[in-house]
Amino acid sequence: EVKRRAHAAAQRTILVADHTKFGRRALARVLPLEALAGGVTDRGAKTFLPVLKEKVPGFIDLV
């Protein structure tokens, strides 16, 4: 609930996550990828890049 309220109050929400956060099941889904304004991840997430770039308009390539 706190994360959803923070998103609602923010001008934009950016995803910052390393590759270990992708492809795992979570107890709760906070936001759909389409709700994000952008994002960045590391080189280990290259398997997930096509989906991230399709669903998150401002997604930045690997750093």
Protein backbone atom coordinates (compact mmCIF):
# COMPACT_ATOMS: atom_id res chain seq x y z
CA GLU A 1 0.00 0.00 0.00
CA VAL A 2 2.82 2.45 0.83
CA LYS A 3 4.50 1.83 -2.55
CA ARG A 4 1.22 2.40 -4.39
CA ARG A 5 0.64 5.67 -2.55
CA ALA A 6 4.18 6.80 -3.30
CA HIS A 7 3.57 6.06 -6.99
CA ALA A 8 0.29 7.99 -6.91
CA ALA A 9 2.00 11.03 -5.36
CA ALA A 10 5.05 10.94 -7.66
CA GLN A 11 5.42 12.84 -10.91
CA ARG A 12 6.91 9.68 -12.40
CA THR A 13 8.07 6.27 -11.20
CA ILE A 14 11.39 4.75 -12.32
CA LEU A 15 12.38 1.10 -11.90
CA VAL A 16 15.94 0.48 -10.69
CA ALA A 17 16.65 -3.23 -10.24
CA ASP A 18 19.49 -5.65 -10.86
CA HIS A 19 19.03 -8.89 -12.85
CA THR A 20 18.31 -10.97 -9.73
CA LYS A 21 14.90 -9.30 -9.40
CA PHE A 22 13.58 -10.49 -12.77
CA GLY A 23 11.99 -13.86 -13.49
CA ARG A 24 11.05 -14.47 -9.86
CA ARG A 25 7.66 -14.81 -8.25
CA ALA A 26 6.76 -12.21 -5.64
CA LEU A 27 4.24 -12.21 -2.83
CA ALA A 28 2.60 -9.09 -4.23
CA ARG A 29 2.66 -7.10 -7.44
CA VAL A 30 3.00 -3.40 -6.70
CA LEU A 31 2.55 -1.93 -10.19
CA PRO A 32 2.26 -3.18 -13.75
CA LEU A 33 5.29 -2.42 -15.93
CA GLU A 34 3.15 -0.09 -18.04
CA ALA A 35 2.76 2.23 -15.01
CA LEU A 36 6.50 2.99 -15.00
CA ALA A 37 7.98 6.05 -16.71
CA GLY A 38 11.38 4.43 -17.15
CA GLY A 39 13.89 2.03 -15.74
CA VAL A 40 17.46 0.79 -15.66
CA THR A 41 19.08 -2.56 -14.89
CA ASP A 42 22.43 -4.36 -15.18
CA ARG A 43 23.84 -6.59 -17.92
CA GLY A 44 22.54 -9.80 -16.34
CA ALA A 45 18.96 -8.88 -17.28
CA LYS A 46 19.45 -9.09 -21.07
CA THR A 47 16.94 -11.97 -21.34
CA PHE A 48 14.20 -9.64 -20.08
CA LEU A 49 15.16 -6.56 -22.13
CA PRO A 50 12.70 -7.09 -25.01
CA VAL A 51 9.73 -7.13 -22.62
CA LEU A 52 11.06 -4.22 -20.55
CA LYS A 53 11.64 -2.05 -23.62
CA GLU A 54 8.19 -2.89 -24.98
CA LYS A 55 6.27 -2.17 -21.78
CA VAL A 56 8.36 0.62 -20.18
CA PRO A 57 8.66 3.56 -22.60
CA GLY A 58 11.71 5.22 -21.04
CA PHE A 59 13.68 2.08 -20.29
CA ILE A 60 17.44 2.64 -20.52
CA ASP A 61 19.77 -0.01 -21.89
CA LEU A 62 22.07 -1.94 -19.63
CA VAL A 63 24.60 -0.20 -17.41
